[in-house]
Amino acid sequence: QVQLVESGGGLVQAGGSLRLSCAASGSTFSFKRMNWYRQTPGKQRELVATIDLGNTTNYAEAVKGRFTISRDNAKNTAYLQMNSLKPEDTAVYYCNFEWRTGTTGWTSWGQGTQVTVSS
């Protein structure tokens, strides 16, 4: 069973930075894709950033140029460096990893970490 543990959330002033981490345990897989999502009350969870095995990255328009996703395959860990934070970045951030065994696709979610940006 793959478990994802997130860390790094907190309270920061607008313009500040935070770095989120998401570490997988209980796995010997190569994770095809590592993703970060975020969610605010009353809204759907939205995709923030993705990174695949080839280190190709994609970002939501709202965070392009400010957020950077990266991965350390040896540690089964994904990171989200968040710079120039804005109050509208306030949300619970979730990591999500995807992998395959044979023809079966799997996914796992972290527990979420709160990011609060004050104006």
N, C-alpha and C. Protein backbone atom coordinates (compact mmCIF):
# COMPACT_ATOMS: atom_id res chain seq x y z
N GLN A 1 0.84 -1.18 0.00
CA GLN A 1 0.00 0.00 0.00
C GLN A 1 0.89 1.24 0.00
N VAL A 2 0.62 2.13 -0.92
CA VAL A 2 1.42 3.35 -1.03
C VAL A 2 0.76 4.46 -0.21
N GLN A 3 1.55 5.04 0.67
CA GLN A 3 1.06 6.18 1.46
C GLN A 3 1.87 7.41 1.13
N LEU A 4 1.18 8.53 1.00
CA LEU A 4 1.83 9.80 0.71
C LEU A 4 1.72 10.69 1.92
N VAL A 5 2.84 11.26 2.32
CA VAL A 5 2.87 12.15 3.48
C VAL A 5 3.37 13.51 3.03
N GLU A 6 2.55 14.52 3.26
CA GLU A 6 2.88 15.88 2.85
C GLU A 6 3.43 16.67 4.03
N SER A 7 4.22 17.66 3.69
CA SER A 7 4.72 18.59 4.71
C SER A 7 5.05 19.92 4.05
N GLY A 8 5.19 20.96 4.87
CA GLY A 8 5.66 22.23 4.36
C GLY A 8 4.63 23.33 4.28
N GLY A 9 3.37 23.03 4.56
CA GLY A 9 2.36 24.08 4.52
C GLY A 9 2.51 25.03 5.69
N GLY A 10 1.71 26.10 5.68
CA GLY A 10 1.76 27.05 6.76
C GLY A 10 1.18 28.39 6.38
N LEU A 11 1.48 29.37 7.22
CA LEU A 11 1.01 30.74 7.03
C LEU A 11 2.16 31.60 6.55
N VAL A 12 1.92 32.37 5.51
CA VAL A 12 2.96 33.23 4.94
C VAL A 12 2.32 34.51 4.45
N GLN A 13 3.08 35.58 4.46
CA GLN A 13 2.57 36.84 3.93
C GLN A 13 2.63 36.85 2.41
N ALA A 14 1.78 37.65 1.81
CA ALA A 14 1.79 37.80 0.35
C ALA A 14 3.20 38.20 -0.10
N GLY A 15 3.63 37.57 -1.19
CA GLY A 15 4.96 37.81 -1.70
C GLY A 15 6.00 36.83 -1.17
N GLY A 16 5.62 36.07 -0.17
CA GLY A 16 6.53 35.11 0.43
C GLY A 16 6.59 33.80 -0.33
N SER A 17 7.32 32.85 0.26
CA SER A 17 7.54 31.55 -0.38
C SER A 17 7.29 30.42 0.60
N LEU A 18 6.91 29.29 0.06
CA LEU A 18 6.79 28.04 0.80
C LEU A 18 7.22 26.92 -0.11
N ARG A 19 7.71 25.84 0.50
CA ARG A 19 8.06 24.64 -0.25
C ARG A 19 7.33 23.46 0.34
N LEU A 20 6.51 22.82 -0.48
CA LEU A 20 5.79 21.63 -0.07
C LEU A 20 6.56 20.39 -0.49
N SER A 21 6.47 19.36 0.35
CA SER A 21 7.07 18.07 0.03
C SER A 21 6.02 16.99 0.15
N CYS A 22 6.18 15.95 -0.64
CA CYS A 22 5.28 14.81 -0.59
C CYS A 22 6.12 13.55 -0.77
N ALA A 23 6.21 12.75 0.27
CA ALA A 23 7.04 11.54 0.24
C ALA A 23 6.16 10.30 0.25
N ALA A 24 6.51 9.35 -0.61
CA ALA A 24 5.78 8.09 -0.68
C ALA A 24 6.50 7.02 0.13
N SER A 25 5.72 6.25 0.85
CA SER A 25 6.28 5.10 1.57
C SER A 25 5.55 3.83 1.14
N GLY A 26 6.19 2.71 1.36
CA GLY A 26 5.56 1.45 1.03
C GLY A 26 5.54 1.15 -0.45
N SER A 27 6.50 1.73 -1.18
CA SER A 27 6.48 1.56 -2.62
C SER A 27 7.86 1.24 -3.18
N THR A 28 7.85 0.40 -4.19
CA THR A 28 9.07 0.19 -4.98
C THR A 28 8.81 0.54 -6.43
N PHE A 29 7.72 1.26 -6.68
CA PHE A 29 7.34 1.58 -8.05
C PHE A 29 8.04 2.83 -8.56
N SER A 30 8.04 2.93 -9.87
CA SER A 30 8.40 4.20 -10.49
C SER A 30 7.10 4.93 -10.75
N PHE A 31 6.95 6.07 -10.15
CA PHE A 31 5.71 6.82 -10.29
C PHE A 31 5.68 7.53 -11.63
N LYS A 32 4.67 7.17 -12.43
CA LYS A 32 4.57 7.71 -13.78
C LYS A 32 4.41 9.23 -13.76
N ARG A 33 3.59 9.68 -12.85
CA ARG A 33 3.32 11.10 -12.76
C ARG A 33 3.11 11.49 -11.31
N MET A 34 3.63 12.64 -10.95
CA MET A 34 3.41 13.22 -9.64
C MET A 34 2.70 14.55 -9.83
N ASN A 35 1.66 14.77 -9.07
CA ASN A 35 0.81 15.94 -9.26
C ASN A 35 0.58 16.67 -7.94
N TRP A 36 0.34 17.95 -8.08
CA TRP A 36 -0.14 18.75 -6.95
C TRP A 36 -1.49 19.37 -7.33
N TYR A 37 -2.45 19.24 -6.42
CA TYR A 37 -3.77 19.84 -6.57
C TYR A 37 -3.98 20.80 -5.40
N ARG A 38 -5.00 21.63 -5.52
CA ARG A 38 -5.41 22.45 -4.39
C ARG A 38 -6.93 22.60 -4.39
N GLN A 39 -7.44 22.87 -3.20
CA GLN A 39 -8.89 22.99 -3.05
C GLN A 39 -9.23 24.01 -1.99
N THR A 40 -10.23 24.84 -2.30
CA THR A 40 -10.77 25.80 -1.34
C THR A 40 -12.21 25.40 -1.06
N PRO A 41 -12.74 25.82 0.08
CA PRO A 41 -14.11 25.42 0.45
C PRO A 41 -15.13 25.80 -0.62
N GLY A 42 -15.98 24.85 -0.95
CA GLY A 42 -17.03 25.09 -1.92
C GLY A 42 -16.61 25.01 -3.37
N LYS A 43 -15.33 24.71 -3.61
CA LYS A 43 -14.84 24.62 -4.98
C LYS A 43 -14.28 23.24 -5.26
N GLN A 44 -14.23 22.92 -6.53
CA GLN A 44 -13.65 21.64 -6.94
C GLN A 44 -12.13 21.67 -6.78
N ARG A 45 -11.58 20.51 -6.54
CA ARG A 45 -10.13 20.40 -6.48
C ARG A 45 -9.56 20.71 -7.87
N GLU A 46 -8.53 21.53 -7.91
CA GLU A 46 -7.96 21.91 -9.21
C GLU A 46 -6.51 21.47 -9.29
N LEU A 47 -6.12 21.10 -10.49
CA LEU A 47 -4.75 20.67 -10.75
C LEU A 47 -3.85 21.90 -10.80
N VAL A 48 -2.77 21.86 -10.05
CA VAL A 48 -1.83 22.98 -9.99
C VAL A 48 -0.60 22.73 -10.84
N ALA A 49 -0.02 21.53 -10.70
CA ALA A 49 1.22 21.23 -11.42
C ALA A 49 1.40 19.73 -11.53
N THR A 50 2.06 19.31 -12.60
CA THR A 50 2.36 17.90 -12.82
C THR A 50 3.80 17.75 -13.30
N ILE A 51 4.36 16.58 -13.01
CA ILE A 51 5.69 16.25 -13.53
C ILE A 51 5.70 14.76 -13.82
N ASP A 52 6.21 14.39 -15.01
CA ASP A 52 6.23 12.97 -15.37
C ASP A 52 7.62 12.39 -15.19
N LEU A 53 7.77 11.11 -15.58
CA LEU A 53 9.04 10.41 -15.39
C LEU A 53 10.18 11.07 -16.16
N GLY A 54 9.83 11.71 -17.28
CA GLY A 54 10.85 12.40 -18.07
C GLY A 54 11.10 13.82 -17.62
N ASN A 55 10.52 14.19 -16.46
CA ASN A 55 10.63 15.53 -15.89
C ASN A 55 9.97 16.61 -16.74
N THR A 56 9.03 16.20 -17.57
CA THR A 56 8.20 17.19 -18.26
C THR A 56 7.19 17.75 -17.27
N THR A 57 7.08 19.06 -17.23
CA THR A 57 6.19 19.70 -16.26
C THR A 57 5.07 20.47 -16.95
N ASN A 58 3.96 20.59 -16.25
CA ASN A 58 2.86 21.43 -16.70
C ASN A 58 2.28 22.15 -15.50
N TYR A 59 1.79 23.36 -15.75
CA TYR A 59 1.29 24.19 -14.67
C TYR A 59 -0.06 24.81 -15.03
N ALA A 60 -0.85 25.04 -14.02
CA ALA A 60 -2.06 25.84 -14.21
C ALA A 60 -1.63 27.27 -14.53
N GLU A 61 -2.44 27.93 -15.35
CA GLU A 61 -2.10 29.30 -15.75
C GLU A 61 -1.91 30.21 -14.55
N ALA A 62 -2.68 29.98 -13.52
CA ALA A 62 -2.66 30.88 -12.35
C ALA A 62 -1.33 30.84 -11.60
N VAL A 63 -0.54 29.79 -11.80
CA VAL A 63 0.70 29.65 -11.02
C VAL A 63 1.95 29.66 -11.89
N LYS A 64 1.78 29.73 -13.19
CA LYS A 64 2.94 29.73 -14.09
C LYS A 64 3.88 30.88 -13.76
N GLY A 65 5.16 30.55 -13.72
CA GLY A 65 6.16 31.57 -13.43
C GLY A 65 6.39 31.80 -11.95
N ARG A 66 5.52 31.25 -11.11
CA ARG A 66 5.66 31.43 -9.66
C ARG A 66 5.94 30.11 -8.93
N PHE A 67 5.34 29.02 -9.42
CA PHE A 67 5.48 27.72 -8.77
C PHE A 67 6.39 26.84 -9.62
N THR A 68 7.14 25.97 -8.95
CA THR A 68 8.00 25.01 -9.64
C THR A 68 7.82 23.64 -9.01
N ILE A 69 7.46 22.66 -9.83
CA ILE A 69 7.35 21.28 -9.36
C ILE A 69 8.63 20.54 -9.71
N SER A 70 9.06 19.67 -8.82
CA SER A 70 10.24 18.86 -9.07
C SER A 70 10.06 17.51 -8.37
N ARG A 71 10.95 16.58 -8.68
CA ARG A 71 10.85 15.25 -8.09
C ARG A 71 12.23 14.68 -7.83
N ASP A 72 12.31 13.84 -6.82
CA ASP A 72 13.52 13.09 -6.51
C ASP A 72 13.12 11.63 -6.52
N ASN A 73 13.42 10.93 -7.61
CA ASN A 73 12.97 9.55 -7.76
C ASN A 73 13.62 8.62 -6.75
N ALA A 74 14.85 8.91 -6.38
CA ALA A 74 15.53 8.06 -5.40
C ALA A 74 14.83 8.10 -4.05
N LYS A 75 14.20 9.23 -3.75
CA LYS A 75 13.50 9.40 -2.48
C LYS A 75 11.98 9.25 -2.62
N ASN A 76 11.51 8.99 -3.85
CA ASN A 76 10.06 8.91 -4.10
C ASN A 76 9.34 10.13 -3.53
N THR A 77 9.89 11.27 -3.83
CA THR A 77 9.39 12.52 -3.26
C THR A 77 9.15 13.56 -4.35
N ALA A 78 8.06 14.29 -4.20
CA ALA A 78 7.77 15.41 -5.08
C ALA A 78 7.80 16.69 -4.25
N TYR A 79 8.14 17.77 -4.92
CA TYR A 79 8.23 19.06 -4.26
C TYR A 79 7.42 20.10 -5.05
N LEU A 80 6.94 21.09 -4.34
CA LEU A 80 6.31 22.23 -4.99
C LEU A 80 6.87 23.49 -4.35
N GLN A 81 7.74 24.17 -5.09
CA GLN A 81 8.28 25.44 -4.63
C GLN A 81 7.32 26.54 -5.05
N MET A 82 6.83 27.28 -4.08
CA MET A 82 5.84 28.32 -4.34
C MET A 82 6.43 29.67 -3.96
N ASN A 83 6.62 30.52 -4.97
CA ASN A 83 7.17 31.86 -4.76
C ASN A 83 6.13 32.92 -5.10
N SER A 84 6.38 34.13 -4.66
CA SER A 84 5.48 35.25 -4.95
C SER A 84 4.03 34.88 -4.64
N LEU A 85 3.84 34.33 -3.48
CA LEU A 85 2.50 33.84 -3.12
C LEU A 85 1.50 34.98 -3.01
N LYS A 86 0.26 34.66 -3.38
CA LYS A 86 -0.83 35.62 -3.36
C LYS A 86 -1.93 35.09 -2.43
N PRO A 87 -2.76 35.97 -1.91
CA PRO A 87 -3.87 35.49 -1.06
C PRO A 87 -4.75 34.47 -1.76
N GLU A 88 -4.90 34.59 -3.07
CA GLU A 88 -5.74 33.62 -3.79
C GLU A 88 -5.09 32.25 -3.92
N ASP A 89 -3.85 32.10 -3.49
CA ASP A 89 -3.22 30.78 -3.45
C ASP A 89 -3.61 30.02 -2.18
N THR A 90 -4.30 30.69 -1.27
CA THR A 90 -4.73 30.03 -0.05
C THR A 90 -5.64 28.86 -0.37
N ALA A 91 -5.28 27.68 0.15
CA ALA A 91 -6.03 26.45 -0.15
C ALA A 91 -5.40 25.30 0.64
N VAL A 92 -6.08 24.17 0.60
CA VAL A 92 -5.47 22.92 1.04
C VAL A 92 -4.82 22.30 -0.19
N TYR A 93 -3.55 21.98 -0.08
CA TYR A 93 -2.79 21.42 -1.19
C TYR A 93 -2.64 19.91 -0.98
N TYR A 94 -2.93 19.17 -2.06
CA TYR A 94 -2.85 17.71 -2.03
C TYR A 94 -1.86 17.22 -3.08
N CYS A 95 -1.05 16.24 -2.71
CA CYS A 95 -0.23 15.59 -3.72
C CYS A 95 -0.94 14.31 -4.17
N ASN A 96 -0.61 13.90 -5.36
CA ASN A 96 -1.23 12.74 -5.98
C ASN A 96 -0.19 12.07 -6.86
N PHE A 97 0.04 10.79 -6.65
CA PHE A 97 1.00 10.04 -7.46
C PHE A 97 0.25 8.99 -8.29
N GLU A 98 0.74 8.77 -9.50
CA GLU A 98 0.15 7.78 -10.40
C GLU A 98 1.21 6.76 -10.79
N TRP A 99 0.82 5.49 -10.87
CA TRP A 99 1.75 4.46 -11.32
C TRP A 99 0.97 3.32 -11.95
N ARG A 100 1.69 2.42 -12.60
CA ARG A 100 1.07 1.28 -13.24
C ARG A 100 1.77 0.01 -12.79
N THR A 101 0.99 -1.06 -12.68
CA THR A 101 1.54 -2.40 -12.52
C THR A 101 0.89 -3.24 -13.61
N GLY A 102 1.68 -3.65 -14.59
CA GLY A 102 1.11 -4.34 -15.73
C GLY A 102 0.21 -3.38 -16.48
N THR A 103 -1.04 -3.75 -16.66
CA THR A 103 -1.99 -2.90 -17.38
C THR A 103 -2.90 -2.13 -16.45
N THR A 104 -2.65 -2.22 -15.15
CA THR A 104 -3.51 -1.56 -14.17
C THR A 104 -2.91 -0.25 -13.71
N GLY A 105 -3.73 0.77 -13.74
CA GLY A 105 -3.31 2.08 -13.25
C GLY A 105 -3.73 2.29 -11.81
N TRP A 106 -2.87 2.93 -11.04
CA TRP A 106 -3.13 3.18 -9.63
C TRP A 106 -2.87 4.65 -9.32
N THR A 107 -3.49 5.09 -8.24
CA THR A 107 -3.27 6.46 -7.80
C THR A 107 -3.40 6.52 -6.28
N SER A 108 -2.69 7.43 -5.69
CA SER A 108 -2.76 7.63 -4.25
C SER A 108 -2.73 9.12 -3.95
N TRP A 109 -3.36 9.51 -2.84
CA TRP A 109 -3.45 10.91 -2.45
C TRP A 109 -2.82 11.14 -1.09
N GLY A 110 -2.23 12.30 -0.93
CA GLY A 110 -1.78 12.72 0.38
C GLY A 110 -2.95 13.22 1.20
N GLN A 111 -2.66 13.53 2.46
CA GLN A 111 -3.73 13.93 3.39
C GLN A 111 -4.09 15.41 3.26
N GLY A 112 -3.27 16.15 2.57
CA GLY A 112 -3.52 17.58 2.39
C GLY A 112 -2.75 18.41 3.40
N THR A 113 -2.30 19.56 2.95
CA THR A 113 -1.61 20.49 3.84
C THR A 113 -2.12 21.90 3.57
N GLN A 114 -2.42 22.62 4.63
CA GLN A 114 -3.02 23.95 4.49
C GLN A 114 -1.95 24.98 4.17
N VAL A 115 -2.23 25.78 3.16
CA VAL A 115 -1.40 26.93 2.83
C VAL A 115 -2.27 28.18 2.96
N THR A 116 -1.86 29.11 3.79
CA THR A 116 -2.61 30.33 3.99
C THR A 116 -1.70 31.52 3.70
N VAL A 117 -2.15 32.38 2.79
CA VAL A 117 -1.38 33.55 2.40
C VAL A 117 -2.14 34.79 2.85
N SER A 118 -1.55 35.55 3.73
CA SER A 118 -2.20 36.75 4.25
C SER A 118 -1.82 37.97 3.41
N SER A 119 -2.76 38.90 3.31
CA SER A 119 -2.51 40.10 2.50
C SER A 119 -1.89 41.21 3.34
